[in-house]
Amino acid sequence: MIHLNKKWGNIRFVSVNPGAIKTKMTAGDGMPFWLKPFRSLLFMSPQKGGQSLYNVALCEKYQGSGLYISEGKIRPIKMEITEAEIEELLAV
């Protein structure tokens, strides 16, 4: 995120974690069996998850670039990738 923001400053880069959402995927076989009963209680509706993405796209408080947003708050990005690391990853 930080690297892309520096490289292409004219494009807004934001990473959003909307949280746990009730979807077909979270109801399917990929979900741990012990977590399925909690899905209805703890996971938010797709509408609420979509609303959080919409808010980030349009709300003035999130207008910066190179941001990571989780639980509606701007959180620090823990690491940054260097140009050398990107070249190494792309060479694989």
N, C-alpha and C. Protein backbone atom coordinates (compact mmCIF):
# COMPACT_ATOMS: atom_id res chain seq x y z
N MET A 1 0.82 -1.18 0.00
CA MET A 1 0.00 0.00 0.00
C MET A 1 0.87 1.25 0.00
N ILE A 2 1.82 1.31 0.90
CA ILE A 2 2.70 2.47 1.00
C ILE A 2 3.53 2.61 -0.28
N HIS A 3 4.05 1.48 -0.75
CA HIS A 3 4.86 1.49 -1.96
C HIS A 3 4.05 1.98 -3.16
N LEU A 4 2.86 1.45 -3.33
CA LEU A 4 2.02 1.87 -4.46
C LEU A 4 1.67 3.34 -4.36
N ASN A 5 1.41 3.80 -3.15
CA ASN A 5 1.08 5.21 -2.95
C ASN A 5 2.25 6.11 -3.35
N LYS A 6 3.47 5.69 -3.02
CA LYS A 6 4.64 6.48 -3.38
C LYS A 6 4.89 6.44 -4.89
N LYS A 7 4.68 5.26 -5.48
CA LYS A 7 4.98 5.09 -6.90
C LYS A 7 3.97 5.81 -7.79
N TRP A 8 2.70 5.71 -7.44
CA TRP A 8 1.63 6.32 -8.23
C TRP A 8 0.82 7.26 -7.34
N GLY A 9 1.37 8.40 -7.05
CA GLY A 9 0.75 9.36 -6.14
C GLY A 9 -0.57 9.93 -6.64
N ASN A 10 -0.82 9.81 -7.94
CA ASN A 10 -2.07 10.35 -8.49
C ASN A 10 -3.24 9.37 -8.37
N ILE A 11 -2.98 8.18 -7.82
CA ILE A 11 -4.03 7.18 -7.61
C ILE A 11 -4.18 6.96 -6.11
N ARG A 12 -5.39 6.87 -5.64
CA ARG A 12 -5.66 6.67 -4.21
C ARG A 12 -5.67 5.18 -3.90
N PHE A 13 -4.83 4.76 -2.96
CA PHE A 13 -4.75 3.37 -2.53
C PHE A 13 -5.20 3.26 -1.08
N VAL A 14 -6.21 2.44 -0.85
CA VAL A 14 -6.73 2.22 0.50
C VAL A 14 -7.06 0.74 0.65
N SER A 15 -6.63 0.16 1.74
CA SER A 15 -6.94 -1.23 2.04
C SER A 15 -7.96 -1.23 3.18
N VAL A 16 -9.07 -1.97 2.98
CA VAL A 16 -10.15 -1.96 3.96
C VAL A 16 -10.45 -3.38 4.41
N ASN A 17 -10.51 -3.56 5.72
CA ASN A 17 -10.95 -4.82 6.31
C ASN A 17 -12.35 -4.57 6.86
N PRO A 18 -13.39 -5.00 6.14
CA PRO A 18 -14.74 -4.72 6.62
C PRO A 18 -15.16 -5.59 7.81
N GLY A 19 -14.39 -6.63 8.11
CA GLY A 19 -14.73 -7.52 9.22
C GLY A 19 -15.41 -8.80 8.73
N ALA A 20 -15.86 -9.59 9.66
CA ALA A 20 -16.50 -10.86 9.34
C ALA A 20 -17.91 -10.61 8.81
N ILE A 21 -18.19 -11.19 7.64
CA ILE A 21 -19.47 -10.95 6.97
C ILE A 21 -20.14 -12.28 6.64
N LYS A 22 -21.45 -12.30 6.80
CA LYS A 22 -22.24 -13.50 6.44
C LYS A 22 -22.34 -13.58 4.92
N THR A 23 -21.66 -14.57 4.34
CA THR A 23 -21.71 -14.79 2.90
C THR A 23 -21.86 -16.28 2.64
N LYS A 24 -22.02 -16.65 1.39
CA LYS A 24 -22.07 -18.08 1.04
C LYS A 24 -20.75 -18.75 1.43
N MET A 25 -19.66 -18.02 1.28
CA MET A 25 -18.36 -18.58 1.62
C MET A 25 -18.25 -18.90 3.11
N THR A 26 -18.75 -18.02 3.98
CA THR A 26 -18.65 -18.26 5.41
C THR A 26 -19.68 -19.29 5.89
N ALA A 27 -20.60 -19.67 5.02
CA ALA A 27 -21.55 -20.72 5.36
C ALA A 27 -21.14 -22.06 4.77
N GLY A 28 -20.11 -22.05 3.92
CA GLY A 28 -19.73 -23.25 3.18
C GLY A 28 -18.76 -24.15 3.91
N ASP A 29 -18.25 -25.12 3.17
CA ASP A 29 -17.36 -26.14 3.72
C ASP A 29 -15.99 -25.59 4.12
N GLY A 30 -15.61 -24.44 3.62
CA GLY A 30 -14.33 -23.86 3.97
C GLY A 30 -14.30 -23.27 5.37
N MET A 31 -15.45 -23.10 5.95
CA MET A 31 -15.54 -22.51 7.29
C MET A 31 -15.37 -23.62 8.33
N PRO A 32 -14.55 -23.40 9.36
CA PRO A 32 -14.42 -24.42 10.41
C PRO A 32 -15.78 -24.73 11.04
N PHE A 33 -16.05 -26.00 11.25
CA PHE A 33 -17.37 -26.43 11.75
C PHE A 33 -17.72 -25.78 13.08
N TRP A 34 -16.71 -25.58 13.94
CA TRP A 34 -16.99 -25.01 15.26
C TRP A 34 -17.35 -23.53 15.20
N LEU A 35 -16.99 -22.86 14.09
CA LEU A 35 -17.28 -21.44 13.96
C LEU A 35 -18.64 -21.17 13.32
N LYS A 36 -19.18 -22.13 12.60
CA LYS A 36 -20.46 -21.94 11.91
C LYS A 36 -21.60 -21.52 12.83
N PRO A 37 -21.74 -22.09 14.03
CA PRO A 37 -22.84 -21.65 14.90
C PRO A 37 -22.75 -20.18 15.33
N PHE A 38 -21.55 -19.65 15.37
CA PHE A 38 -21.34 -18.25 15.78
C PHE A 38 -21.55 -17.27 14.64
N ARG A 39 -21.57 -17.79 13.42
CA ARG A 39 -21.70 -16.95 12.24
C ARG A 39 -22.93 -16.05 12.32
N SER A 40 -24.04 -16.62 12.69
CA SER A 40 -25.29 -15.84 12.76
C SER A 40 -25.25 -14.79 13.85
N LEU A 41 -24.53 -15.08 14.92
CA LEU A 41 -24.47 -14.14 16.05
C LEU A 41 -23.44 -13.03 15.87
N LEU A 42 -22.28 -13.37 15.31
CA LEU A 42 -21.16 -12.44 15.32
C LEU A 42 -20.85 -11.78 13.98
N PHE A 43 -21.22 -12.42 12.88
CA PHE A 43 -20.86 -11.86 11.57
C PHE A 43 -21.91 -10.85 11.14
N MET A 44 -21.46 -9.78 10.48
CA MET A 44 -22.41 -8.75 10.03
C MET A 44 -23.01 -9.11 8.68
N SER A 45 -24.07 -8.45 8.36
CA SER A 45 -24.76 -8.69 7.08
C SER A 45 -23.90 -8.15 5.93
N PRO A 46 -24.08 -8.70 4.73
CA PRO A 46 -23.37 -8.16 3.57
C PRO A 46 -23.67 -6.67 3.35
N GLN A 47 -24.89 -6.25 3.67
CA GLN A 47 -25.25 -4.84 3.50
C GLN A 47 -24.40 -3.94 4.41
N LYS A 48 -24.20 -4.37 5.64
CA LYS A 48 -23.41 -3.57 6.58
C LYS A 48 -21.94 -3.56 6.17
N GLY A 49 -21.43 -4.70 5.71
CA GLY A 49 -20.06 -4.77 5.21
C GLY A 49 -19.87 -3.89 3.99
N GLY A 50 -20.83 -3.93 3.08
CA GLY A 50 -20.79 -3.07 1.90
C GLY A 50 -20.85 -1.60 2.27
N GLN A 51 -21.64 -1.28 3.28
CA GLN A 51 -21.76 0.10 3.74
C GLN A 51 -20.42 0.61 4.26
N SER A 52 -19.66 -0.25 4.94
CA SER A 52 -18.36 0.18 5.44
C SER A 52 -17.41 0.49 4.27
N LEU A 53 -17.47 -0.30 3.21
CA LEU A 53 -16.64 -0.02 2.03
C LEU A 53 -17.08 1.28 1.36
N TYR A 54 -18.37 1.48 1.27
CA TYR A 54 -18.93 2.70 0.68
C TYR A 54 -18.49 3.92 1.48
N ASN A 55 -18.54 3.82 2.81
CA ASN A 55 -18.14 4.93 3.67
C ASN A 55 -16.68 5.31 3.46
N VAL A 56 -15.83 4.31 3.35
CA VAL A 56 -14.41 4.58 3.15
C VAL A 56 -14.19 5.28 1.80
N ALA A 57 -14.93 4.86 0.80
CA ALA A 57 -14.77 5.45 -0.53
C ALA A 57 -15.20 6.91 -0.55
N LEU A 58 -16.22 7.28 0.22
CA LEU A 58 -16.80 8.61 0.10
C LEU A 58 -16.65 9.54 1.30
N CYS A 59 -16.32 9.01 2.46
CA CYS A 59 -16.24 9.83 3.67
C CYS A 59 -14.94 10.65 3.68
N GLU A 60 -15.05 11.90 4.03
CA GLU A 60 -13.89 12.80 4.01
C GLU A 60 -12.78 12.37 4.97
N LYS A 61 -13.12 11.73 6.06
CA LYS A 61 -12.09 11.36 7.04
C LYS A 61 -11.14 10.28 6.50
N TYR A 62 -11.54 9.58 5.44
CA TYR A 62 -10.71 8.53 4.85
C TYR A 62 -10.13 8.94 3.50
N GLN A 63 -10.02 10.22 3.22
CA GLN A 63 -9.62 10.65 1.89
C GLN A 63 -8.12 10.54 1.61
N GLY A 64 -7.32 10.16 2.58
CA GLY A 64 -5.90 9.99 2.34
C GLY A 64 -5.63 8.75 1.49
N SER A 65 -4.39 8.60 1.10
CA SER A 65 -3.99 7.43 0.32
C SER A 65 -2.94 6.66 1.10
N GLY A 66 -2.79 5.38 0.78
CA GLY A 66 -1.85 4.54 1.50
C GLY A 66 -2.36 4.17 2.88
N LEU A 67 -3.68 4.13 3.04
CA LEU A 67 -4.28 3.86 4.35
C LEU A 67 -4.69 2.39 4.49
N TYR A 68 -4.70 1.93 5.73
CA TYR A 68 -5.30 0.64 6.07
C TYR A 68 -6.40 0.95 7.08
N ILE A 69 -7.63 0.53 6.76
CA ILE A 69 -8.77 0.82 7.61
C ILE A 69 -9.39 -0.48 8.09
N SER A 70 -9.52 -0.60 9.40
CA SER A 70 -10.11 -1.78 10.02
C SER A 70 -11.02 -1.31 11.15
N GLU A 71 -12.21 -1.89 11.22
CA GLU A 71 -13.20 -1.53 12.23
C GLU A 71 -13.51 -0.04 12.20
N GLY A 72 -13.49 0.55 10.99
CA GLY A 72 -13.83 1.95 10.83
C GLY A 72 -12.77 2.93 11.29
N LYS A 73 -11.58 2.43 11.65
CA LYS A 73 -10.51 3.29 12.13
C LYS A 73 -9.28 3.14 11.24
N ILE A 74 -8.57 4.24 11.06
CA ILE A 74 -7.32 4.20 10.32
C ILE A 74 -6.28 3.56 11.23
N ARG A 75 -5.69 2.48 10.75
CA ARG A 75 -4.71 1.72 11.53
C ARG A 75 -3.33 1.87 10.88
N PRO A 76 -2.28 1.74 11.68
CA PRO A 76 -0.94 1.82 11.09
C PRO A 76 -0.65 0.59 10.24
N ILE A 77 0.10 0.80 9.18
CA ILE A 77 0.56 -0.31 8.35
C ILE A 77 1.86 -0.78 8.97
N LYS A 78 1.93 -2.06 9.30
CA LYS A 78 3.04 -2.59 10.09
C LYS A 78 4.35 -2.73 9.31
N MET A 79 4.26 -2.89 8.00
CA MET A 79 5.50 -3.09 7.25
C MET A 79 5.42 -2.43 5.89
N GLU A 80 6.58 -2.21 5.33
CA GLU A 80 6.66 -1.61 4.01
C GLU A 80 7.62 -2.46 3.18
N ILE A 81 7.27 -2.67 1.94
CA ILE A 81 8.12 -3.47 1.05
C ILE A 81 9.06 -2.53 0.29
N THR A 82 10.28 -2.99 0.10
CA THR A 82 11.25 -2.17 -0.61
C THR A 82 11.23 -2.51 -2.10
N GLU A 83 11.85 -1.65 -2.88
CA GLU A 83 11.94 -1.89 -4.34
C GLU A 83 12.68 -3.19 -4.62
N ALA A 84 13.74 -3.48 -3.86
CA ALA A 84 14.51 -4.72 -4.04
C ALA A 84 13.66 -5.95 -3.74
N GLU A 85 12.83 -5.87 -2.70
CA GLU A 85 11.96 -7.00 -2.36
C GLU A 85 10.91 -7.24 -3.44
N ILE A 86 10.41 -6.17 -4.03
CA ILE A 86 9.43 -6.31 -5.12
C ILE A 86 10.08 -6.98 -6.31
N GLU A 87 11.27 -6.55 -6.67
CA GLU A 87 11.98 -7.17 -7.80
C GLU A 87 12.22 -8.65 -7.54
N GLU A 88 12.57 -9.00 -6.31
CA GLU A 88 12.80 -10.40 -5.95
C GLU A 88 11.51 -11.22 -6.06
N LEU A 89 10.40 -10.66 -5.60
CA LEU A 89 9.12 -11.36 -5.68
C LEU A 89 8.67 -11.55 -7.13
N LEU A 90 8.88 -10.54 -7.95
CA LEU A 90 8.48 -10.63 -9.35
C LEU A 90 9.36 -11.56 -10.17
N ALA A 91 10.58 -11.80 -9.70
CA ALA A 91 11.50 -12.68 -10.42
C ALA A 91 11.15 -14.16 -10.23
N VAL A 92 10.39 -14.46 -9.22
CA VAL A 92 10.05 -15.88 -8.91
C VAL A 92 9.04 -16.41 -9.89
